[in-house]
Amino acid sequence: MTTASKEETVGRGRRHQFRGVVQSDKADKTRVVMVEWTYRHPRYDKTLRKRSKFYVHDEKNESHAGDLIEIMATRPLSKLKRWRLVRIVEKARIPQMAAEAPATKEAA
């Protein structure tokens, strides 16, 4: 990182960052990400879950449904997209296919 770019980053201030799970990867260069967090209700002291859906710009189409990713706020890129992909924290776990295909019944 050069000195000039480091100064630009410092000058722009700290941006919002979240981690969430990719819900949809159907659109080109766009991902729908669900971010979930818990908080305590101020009066009743009950733990509650809150979820938010963000539209994220993925320039290289490298993330897919089920991936845990880190996102960062950016300038408006479209009507709904105000976030960009920073990195993929964890790829989705895909169950491995059985070594052998299941036996099929033959017509007798």
N, C-alpha and C. Protein backbone atom coordinates (compact mmCIF):
# COMPACT_ATOMS: atom_id res chain seq x y z
N MET A 1 0.85 -1.17 0.00
CA MET A 1 0.00 0.00 0.00
C MET A 1 0.89 1.24 0.00
N THR A 2 0.65 2.13 -0.91
CA THR A 2 1.46 3.33 -1.00
C THR A 2 1.01 4.36 0.03
N THR A 3 1.84 5.36 0.24
CA THR A 3 1.53 6.39 1.21
C THR A 3 0.29 7.18 0.82
N ALA A 4 0.14 7.47 -0.46
CA ALA A 4 -1.00 8.25 -0.94
C ALA A 4 -2.31 7.51 -0.68
N SER A 5 -2.34 6.21 -0.99
CA SER A 5 -3.58 5.47 -0.79
C SER A 5 -3.89 5.28 0.69
N LYS A 6 -2.85 5.20 1.52
CA LYS A 6 -3.06 5.09 2.95
C LYS A 6 -3.69 6.37 3.50
N GLU A 7 -3.23 7.51 3.02
CA GLU A 7 -3.80 8.78 3.45
C GLU A 7 -5.25 8.92 3.00
N GLU A 8 -5.57 8.45 1.78
CA GLU A 8 -6.95 8.50 1.29
C GLU A 8 -7.86 7.67 2.18
N THR A 9 -7.42 6.48 2.55
CA THR A 9 -8.21 5.60 3.39
C THR A 9 -8.47 6.24 4.74
N VAL A 10 -7.46 6.86 5.32
CA VAL A 10 -7.62 7.50 6.62
C VAL A 10 -8.57 8.70 6.49
N GLY A 11 -8.46 9.44 5.41
CA GLY A 11 -9.29 10.62 5.20
C GLY A 11 -10.76 10.28 4.99
N ARG A 12 -11.05 9.10 4.44
CA ARG A 12 -12.43 8.72 4.15
C ARG A 12 -13.18 8.25 5.39
N GLY A 13 -12.47 7.98 6.44
CA GLY A 13 -13.12 7.55 7.67
C GLY A 13 -13.40 6.06 7.70
N ARG A 14 -13.87 5.62 8.82
CA ARG A 14 -14.15 4.21 9.01
C ARG A 14 -15.53 3.88 8.45
N ARG A 15 -15.62 2.83 7.65
CA ARG A 15 -16.88 2.45 7.03
C ARG A 15 -17.52 1.28 7.77
N HIS A 16 -18.82 1.16 7.62
CA HIS A 16 -19.53 0.05 8.23
C HIS A 16 -19.10 -1.26 7.58
N GLN A 17 -18.89 -2.28 8.40
CA GLN A 17 -18.55 -3.61 7.90
C GLN A 17 -19.39 -4.63 8.63
N PHE A 18 -19.86 -5.64 7.90
CA PHE A 18 -20.65 -6.72 8.47
C PHE A 18 -20.20 -8.04 7.87
N ARG A 19 -20.58 -9.12 8.56
CA ARG A 19 -20.41 -10.47 8.02
C ARG A 19 -21.80 -11.06 7.87
N GLY A 20 -22.02 -11.71 6.74
CA GLY A 20 -23.33 -12.29 6.50
C GLY A 20 -23.24 -13.47 5.55
N VAL A 21 -24.36 -14.13 5.38
CA VAL A 21 -24.44 -15.31 4.53
C VAL A 21 -25.14 -14.94 3.23
N VAL A 22 -24.56 -15.38 2.12
CA VAL A 22 -25.14 -15.10 0.81
C VAL A 22 -26.42 -15.92 0.67
N GLN A 23 -27.54 -15.24 0.42
CA GLN A 23 -28.83 -15.90 0.25
C GLN A 23 -29.11 -16.19 -1.22
N SER A 24 -28.69 -15.28 -2.10
CA SER A 24 -28.97 -15.44 -3.52
C SER A 24 -27.78 -14.96 -4.35
N ASP A 25 -27.45 -15.74 -5.38
CA ASP A 25 -26.38 -15.35 -6.30
C ASP A 25 -26.88 -15.42 -7.74
N LYS A 26 -28.17 -15.22 -7.94
CA LYS A 26 -28.77 -15.37 -9.27
C LYS A 26 -28.45 -14.21 -10.20
N ALA A 27 -28.34 -13.00 -9.66
CA ALA A 27 -28.07 -11.84 -10.50
C ALA A 27 -26.58 -11.73 -10.80
N ASP A 28 -26.26 -11.13 -11.94
CA ASP A 28 -24.86 -10.95 -12.33
C ASP A 28 -24.23 -9.84 -11.51
N LYS A 29 -23.13 -10.14 -10.84
CA LYS A 29 -22.35 -9.20 -10.02
C LYS A 29 -23.11 -8.64 -8.82
N THR A 30 -24.21 -9.27 -8.44
CA THR A 30 -24.99 -8.84 -7.29
C THR A 30 -25.29 -10.03 -6.40
N ARG A 31 -25.14 -9.86 -5.11
CA ARG A 31 -25.46 -10.89 -4.14
C ARG A 31 -26.42 -10.33 -3.12
N VAL A 32 -27.35 -11.16 -2.66
CA VAL A 32 -28.24 -10.78 -1.58
C VAL A 32 -27.70 -11.44 -0.33
N VAL A 33 -27.37 -10.63 0.68
CA VAL A 33 -26.71 -11.13 1.88
C VAL A 33 -27.59 -10.87 3.09
N MET A 34 -27.73 -11.90 3.94
CA MET A 34 -28.50 -11.78 5.18
C MET A 34 -27.51 -11.63 6.34
N VAL A 35 -27.65 -10.52 7.07
CA VAL A 35 -26.81 -10.28 8.24
C VAL A 35 -27.70 -10.41 9.46
N GLU A 36 -27.26 -11.19 10.43
CA GLU A 36 -28.05 -11.44 11.63
C GLU A 36 -27.24 -11.10 12.87
N TRP A 37 -27.87 -10.47 13.84
CA TRP A 37 -27.20 -10.18 15.10
C TRP A 37 -28.21 -10.25 16.24
N THR A 38 -27.70 -10.37 17.45
CA THR A 38 -28.57 -10.43 18.63
C THR A 38 -28.35 -9.20 19.49
N TYR A 39 -29.40 -8.83 20.22
CA TYR A 39 -29.30 -7.70 21.13
C TYR A 39 -30.28 -7.93 22.28
N ARG A 40 -30.06 -7.23 23.37
CA ARG A 40 -30.94 -7.34 24.53
C ARG A 40 -31.99 -6.24 24.50
N HIS A 41 -33.24 -6.61 24.76
CA HIS A 41 -34.30 -5.62 24.81
C HIS A 41 -34.05 -4.71 26.01
N PRO A 42 -34.12 -3.38 25.81
CA PRO A 42 -33.77 -2.47 26.89
C PRO A 42 -34.67 -2.57 28.12
N ARG A 43 -35.95 -2.88 27.92
CA ARG A 43 -36.87 -2.92 29.06
C ARG A 43 -37.04 -4.33 29.63
N TYR A 44 -37.25 -5.29 28.75
CA TYR A 44 -37.57 -6.64 29.20
C TYR A 44 -36.36 -7.55 29.30
N ASP A 45 -35.20 -7.09 28.88
CA ASP A 45 -33.95 -7.81 29.02
C ASP A 45 -33.96 -9.18 28.33
N LYS A 46 -34.78 -9.31 27.30
CA LYS A 46 -34.84 -10.54 26.53
C LYS A 46 -33.89 -10.44 25.34
N THR A 47 -33.22 -11.55 25.01
CA THR A 47 -32.33 -11.56 23.87
C THR A 47 -33.16 -11.74 22.60
N LEU A 48 -32.98 -10.84 21.64
CA LEU A 48 -33.72 -10.87 20.39
C LEU A 48 -32.76 -11.00 19.22
N ARG A 49 -33.26 -11.58 18.12
CA ARG A 49 -32.48 -11.68 16.90
C ARG A 49 -33.01 -10.68 15.89
N LYS A 50 -32.11 -10.02 15.21
CA LYS A 50 -32.50 -9.08 14.18
C LYS A 50 -31.79 -9.47 12.89
N ARG A 51 -32.51 -9.40 11.77
CA ARG A 51 -31.93 -9.75 10.48
C ARG A 51 -32.13 -8.59 9.51
N SER A 52 -31.14 -8.38 8.66
CA SER A 52 -31.23 -7.37 7.61
C SER A 52 -30.72 -7.96 6.31
N LYS A 53 -31.31 -7.53 5.21
CA LYS A 53 -30.92 -8.01 3.90
C LYS A 53 -30.21 -6.88 3.17
N PHE A 54 -29.04 -7.18 2.63
CA PHE A 54 -28.24 -6.19 1.91
C PHE A 54 -27.96 -6.68 0.50
N TYR A 55 -27.96 -5.75 -0.45
CA TYR A 55 -27.57 -6.05 -1.82
C TYR A 55 -26.12 -5.65 -1.97
N VAL A 56 -25.29 -6.61 -2.38
CA VAL A 56 -23.84 -6.45 -2.37
C VAL A 56 -23.28 -6.59 -3.78
N HIS A 57 -22.32 -5.73 -4.12
CA HIS A 57 -21.64 -5.80 -5.41
C HIS A 57 -20.48 -6.78 -5.34
N ASP A 58 -20.50 -7.77 -6.23
CA ASP A 58 -19.44 -8.78 -6.32
C ASP A 58 -18.89 -8.74 -7.74
N GLU A 59 -17.85 -7.96 -7.95
CA GLU A 59 -17.32 -7.68 -9.29
C GLU A 59 -16.95 -8.94 -10.06
N LYS A 60 -16.36 -9.92 -9.40
CA LYS A 60 -15.84 -11.11 -10.10
C LYS A 60 -16.77 -12.31 -10.00
N ASN A 61 -17.95 -12.15 -9.44
CA ASN A 61 -18.91 -13.25 -9.27
C ASN A 61 -18.26 -14.44 -8.56
N GLU A 62 -17.48 -14.17 -7.51
CA GLU A 62 -16.74 -15.24 -6.85
C GLU A 62 -17.46 -15.86 -5.65
N SER A 63 -18.47 -15.20 -5.10
CA SER A 63 -19.20 -15.77 -3.98
C SER A 63 -20.47 -16.46 -4.48
N HIS A 64 -20.94 -17.44 -3.70
CA HIS A 64 -22.12 -18.21 -4.08
C HIS A 64 -23.01 -18.41 -2.87
N ALA A 65 -24.21 -18.88 -3.10
CA ALA A 65 -25.19 -19.07 -2.03
C ALA A 65 -24.60 -19.94 -0.91
N GLY A 66 -24.78 -19.51 0.32
CA GLY A 66 -24.29 -20.25 1.47
C GLY A 66 -22.94 -19.80 1.97
N ASP A 67 -22.20 -19.01 1.21
CA ASP A 67 -20.89 -18.53 1.63
C ASP A 67 -21.04 -17.47 2.73
N LEU A 68 -20.11 -17.48 3.69
CA LEU A 68 -20.02 -16.44 4.70
C LEU A 68 -19.06 -15.39 4.16
N ILE A 69 -19.54 -14.15 4.02
CA ILE A 69 -18.70 -13.10 3.43
C ILE A 69 -18.67 -11.87 4.31
N GLU A 70 -17.68 -11.04 4.06
CA GLU A 70 -17.54 -9.76 4.76
C GLU A 70 -17.86 -8.66 3.75
N ILE A 71 -18.73 -7.71 4.16
CA ILE A 71 -19.14 -6.64 3.26
C ILE A 71 -18.80 -5.28 3.87
N MET A 72 -18.68 -4.28 3.02
CA MET A 72 -18.33 -2.93 3.46
C MET A 72 -19.22 -1.92 2.75
N ALA A 73 -19.59 -0.86 3.44
CA ALA A 73 -20.40 0.20 2.85
C ALA A 73 -19.61 0.93 1.77
N THR A 74 -20.31 1.36 0.73
CA THR A 74 -19.68 2.09 -0.36
C THR A 74 -20.70 3.09 -0.93
N ARG A 75 -20.29 3.82 -1.93
CA ARG A 75 -21.21 4.78 -2.55
C ARG A 75 -22.35 4.02 -3.22
N PRO A 76 -23.48 4.66 -3.48
CA PRO A 76 -24.57 3.96 -4.16
C PRO A 76 -24.15 3.50 -5.56
N LEU A 77 -24.31 2.21 -5.82
CA LEU A 77 -23.95 1.63 -7.11
C LEU A 77 -25.18 1.43 -8.00
N SER A 78 -26.35 1.32 -7.40
CA SER A 78 -27.60 1.19 -8.13
C SER A 78 -28.72 1.59 -7.16
N LYS A 79 -29.94 1.29 -7.54
CA LYS A 79 -31.08 1.67 -6.70
C LYS A 79 -30.98 1.06 -5.29
N LEU A 80 -30.56 -0.19 -5.21
CA LEU A 80 -30.50 -0.88 -3.92
C LEU A 80 -29.09 -1.20 -3.42
N LYS A 81 -28.11 -1.26 -4.31
CA LYS A 81 -26.76 -1.68 -3.91
C LYS A 81 -25.97 -0.53 -3.31
N ARG A 82 -25.61 -0.69 -2.04
CA ARG A 82 -24.76 0.28 -1.34
C ARG A 82 -23.63 -0.42 -0.58
N TRP A 83 -23.36 -1.68 -0.92
CA TRP A 83 -22.36 -2.49 -0.23
C TRP A 83 -21.50 -3.18 -1.26
N ARG A 84 -20.27 -3.54 -0.87
CA ARG A 84 -19.39 -4.28 -1.76
C ARG A 84 -18.74 -5.42 -0.99
N LEU A 85 -18.36 -6.44 -1.72
CA LEU A 85 -17.73 -7.61 -1.14
C LEU A 85 -16.28 -7.28 -0.78
N VAL A 86 -15.90 -7.57 0.45
CA VAL A 86 -14.52 -7.37 0.89
C VAL A 86 -13.74 -8.67 0.72
N ARG A 87 -14.28 -9.76 1.28
CA ARG A 87 -13.61 -11.06 1.17
C ARG A 87 -14.59 -12.16 1.52
N ILE A 88 -14.26 -13.36 1.08
CA ILE A 88 -15.04 -14.54 1.43
C ILE A 88 -14.38 -15.14 2.66
N VAL A 89 -15.12 -15.18 3.76
CA VAL A 89 -14.58 -15.70 5.02
C VAL A 89 -14.58 -17.22 5.00
N GLU A 90 -15.70 -17.81 4.56
CA GLU A 90 -15.82 -19.26 4.55
C GLU A 90 -16.73 -19.69 3.40
N LYS A 91 -16.27 -20.64 2.62
CA LYS A 91 -17.08 -21.16 1.53
C LYS A 91 -18.19 -22.04 2.09
N ALA A 92 -19.27 -22.17 1.33
CA ALA A 92 -20.40 -23.01 1.74
C ALA A 92 -19.96 -24.46 1.77
N ARG A 93 -20.48 -25.19 2.73
CA ARG A 93 -20.16 -26.60 2.83
C ARG A 93 -21.15 -27.38 1.99
N ILE A 94 -20.65 -28.04 0.97
CA ILE A 94 -21.50 -28.82 0.08
C ILE A 94 -21.35 -30.28 0.45
N PRO A 95 -22.46 -30.97 0.73
CA PRO A 95 -22.33 -32.39 1.09
C PRO A 95 -21.75 -33.18 -0.07
N GLN A 96 -20.82 -34.07 0.26
CA GLN A 96 -20.16 -34.85 -0.79
C GLN A 96 -21.12 -35.89 -1.33
N MET A 97 -21.05 -36.08 -2.63
CA MET A 97 -21.90 -37.07 -3.29
C MET A 97 -21.42 -38.47 -2.90
N ALA A 98 -22.33 -39.41 -2.86
CA ALA A 98 -21.96 -40.79 -2.55
C ALA A 98 -21.06 -41.31 -3.66
N ALA A 99 -20.13 -42.15 -3.29
CA ALA A 99 -19.17 -42.68 -4.27
C ALA A 99 -19.89 -43.47 -5.37
N GLU A 100 -20.90 -44.21 -4.97
CA GLU A 100 -21.65 -44.99 -5.95
C GLU A 100 -23.04 -44.39 -6.10
N ALA A 101 -23.55 -44.44 -7.30
CA ALA A 101 -24.92 -43.98 -7.54
C ALA A 101 -25.87 -44.98 -6.91
N PRO A 102 -27.02 -44.52 -6.41
CA PRO A 102 -27.96 -45.47 -5.81
C PRO A 102 -28.46 -46.48 -6.85
N ALA A 103 -28.68 -47.69 -6.40
CA ALA A 103 -29.12 -48.74 -7.31
C ALA A 103 -30.51 -48.41 -7.83
N THR A 104 -30.72 -48.60 -9.12
CA THR A 104 -32.03 -48.34 -9.72
C THR A 104 -32.74 -49.65 -9.96
N LYS A 105 -34.06 -49.60 -9.85
CA LYS A 105 -34.84 -50.82 -10.09
C LYS A 105 -34.98 -50.99 -11.60
N GLU A 106 -34.74 -52.21 -12.03
CA GLU A 106 -34.90 -52.51 -13.45
C GLU A 106 -36.27 -53.11 -13.67
N ALA A 107 -36.87 -52.74 -14.78
CA ALA A 107 -38.19 -53.29 -15.12
C ALA A 107 -38.04 -54.77 -15.47
N ALA A 108 -38.87 -55.60 -14.87
CA ALA A 108 -38.77 -57.04 -15.11
C ALA A 108 -39.81 -57.52 -16.08
